[in-house]
Amino acid sequence: MAERLASRSGQAQIELIAGLPLLGLAALIALQILAVGYAQSLADGAAEAGALAVADGRDAAAAARAGLPGWAERRIEVDVEGGRVEVELDPPALLPGLGGRLGVGSDAYARPESG
């Protein structure tokens, strides 16, 4: 009887150890999804800030970049045409090379200030 309990306990430990990498992978995927969502929120805010700058007659690209955290400075592209501001942002990647494949974008429009 004691042998059966020890055998079951050993089996449970092996199953736990085998499941830990899958649990780690699931956590990594969840964190990457959160990073993409956060980047989308930042892109939305940057596009809106740029559109508000257009409406006020200021530099839209500078306004879009102004409210972003430091990590986003090299990962953002801002395109301004008339009153339309389009922002593309690559989120931070937990795995190298993944950030560029998960890029997010947003756009906003404001009527440009008339002279």
Protein backbone atom coordinates (compact mmCIF):
# COMPACT_ATOMS: atom_id res chain seq x y z
CA MET A 1 0.00 0.00 0.00
CA ALA A 2 2.80 2.40 0.88
CA GLU A 3 4.45 1.60 -2.45
CA ARG A 4 1.28 2.56 -4.34
CA LEU A 5 1.07 5.91 -2.54
CA ALA A 6 4.74 6.65 -3.23
CA SER A 7 4.22 5.71 -6.88
CA ARG A 8 1.20 8.02 -7.22
CA SER A 9 3.04 10.84 -5.50
CA GLY A 10 6.00 10.40 -7.83
CA GLN A 11 3.67 10.39 -10.84
CA ALA A 12 2.05 13.64 -9.68
CA GLN A 13 5.44 15.29 -9.32
CA ILE A 14 6.44 14.21 -12.84
CA GLU A 15 3.17 15.58 -14.25
CA LEU A 16 3.69 18.87 -12.42
CA ILE A 17 7.24 19.23 -13.70
CA ALA A 18 6.13 18.36 -17.24
CA GLY A 19 3.34 20.95 -17.07
CA LEU A 20 5.49 23.86 -15.90
CA PRO A 21 6.88 24.74 -19.35
CA LEU A 22 3.33 24.85 -20.74
CA LEU A 23 2.26 27.09 -17.88
CA GLY A 24 5.25 29.35 -18.57
CA LEU A 25 4.39 29.51 -22.27
CA ALA A 26 0.78 30.40 -21.47
CA ALA A 27 1.98 33.20 -19.16
CA LEU A 28 4.34 34.49 -21.87
CA ILE A 29 1.54 34.55 -24.44
CA ALA A 30 -0.78 36.35 -22.00
CA LEU A 31 1.86 39.00 -21.27
CA GLN A 32 2.49 39.53 -24.98
CA ILE A 33 -1.24 40.02 -25.58
CA LEU A 34 -1.31 42.60 -22.79
CA ALA A 35 1.67 44.40 -24.35
CA VAL A 36 -0.11 44.56 -27.71
CA GLY A 37 -3.25 45.94 -26.06
CA TYR A 38 -1.22 48.56 -24.22
CA ALA A 39 0.51 49.57 -27.45
CA GLN A 40 -2.88 49.91 -29.16
CA SER A 41 -4.07 52.22 -26.39
CA LEU A 42 -0.91 54.32 -26.75
CA ALA A 43 -1.34 54.50 -30.54
CA ASP A 44 -4.95 55.68 -30.10
CA GLY A 45 -3.89 58.43 -27.72
CA ALA A 46 -1.00 59.51 -29.94
CA ALA A 47 -3.22 59.74 -33.01
CA GLU A 48 -5.78 61.80 -31.10
CA ALA A 49 -3.07 64.12 -29.75
CA GLY A 50 -1.77 64.59 -33.28
CA ALA A 51 -5.24 65.39 -34.61
CA LEU A 52 -5.81 67.93 -31.84
CA ALA A 53 -2.49 69.54 -32.75
CA VAL A 54 -3.62 69.76 -36.39
CA ALA A 55 -6.81 71.48 -35.27
CA ASP A 56 -4.73 73.94 -33.25
CA GLY A 57 -2.21 74.61 -36.03
CA ARG A 58 0.72 72.88 -34.30
CA ASP A 59 3.10 70.11 -35.41
CA ALA A 60 1.04 66.92 -35.36
CA ALA A 61 3.95 64.47 -35.44
CA ALA A 62 5.64 66.13 -32.47
CA ALA A 63 2.37 66.15 -30.53
CA ALA A 64 1.78 62.48 -31.28
CA ARG A 65 5.25 61.56 -30.02
CA ALA A 66 5.16 63.82 -26.95
CA GLY A 67 2.91 61.67 -24.78
CA LEU A 68 4.57 58.33 -25.46
CA PRO A 69 6.86 56.52 -23.02
CA GLY A 70 10.57 56.28 -23.82
CA TRP A 71 10.49 52.73 -25.21
CA ALA A 72 8.08 53.81 -27.95
CA GLU A 73 10.24 56.60 -29.40
CA ARG A 74 12.06 54.32 -31.85
CA ARG A 75 9.03 52.15 -32.55
CA ILE A 76 6.55 54.73 -33.84
CA GLU A 77 5.73 56.01 -37.29
CA VAL A 78 3.52 59.07 -37.70
CA ASP A 79 2.01 60.04 -41.04
CA VAL A 80 0.14 63.34 -41.39
CA GLU A 81 -1.92 64.19 -44.47
CA GLY A 82 -4.14 67.22 -44.21
CA GLY A 83 -6.10 66.70 -41.02
CA ARG A 84 -5.60 62.94 -40.86
CA VAL A 85 -2.99 61.59 -38.47
CA GLU A 86 -2.02 57.93 -38.73
CA VAL A 87 0.13 56.31 -36.06
CA GLU A 88 1.78 52.88 -36.27
CA LEU A 89 3.50 51.45 -33.21
CA ASP A 90 5.41 48.22 -32.63
CA PRO A 91 4.73 46.87 -29.13
CA PRO A 92 7.47 45.60 -26.85
CA ALA A 93 8.23 41.97 -27.64
CA LEU A 94 8.92 39.29 -25.08
CA LEU A 95 10.50 37.17 -27.79
CA PRO A 96 13.09 38.80 -30.10
CA GLY A 97 11.74 39.69 -33.53
CA LEU A 98 8.10 39.38 -32.54
CA GLY A 99 7.37 43.09 -31.98
CA GLY A 100 7.54 44.04 -35.65
CA ARG A 101 5.03 41.35 -36.54
CA LEU A 102 2.49 42.50 -33.96
CA GLY A 103 2.41 46.19 -34.88
CA VAL A 104 -0.72 48.18 -34.13
CA GLY A 105 -2.09 51.32 -35.71
CA SER A 106 -4.63 54.03 -35.19
CA ASP A 107 -5.77 57.13 -36.97
CA ALA A 108 -7.66 60.28 -36.13
CA TYR A 109 -8.92 63.25 -38.10
CA ALA A 110 -9.39 66.91 -37.28
CA ARG A 111 -10.18 69.79 -39.54
CA PRO A 112 -6.97 71.80 -39.96
CA GLU A 113 -6.94 75.29 -38.53
CA SER A 114 -7.84 77.71 -41.28
CA GLY A 115 -5.49 80.65 -41.47
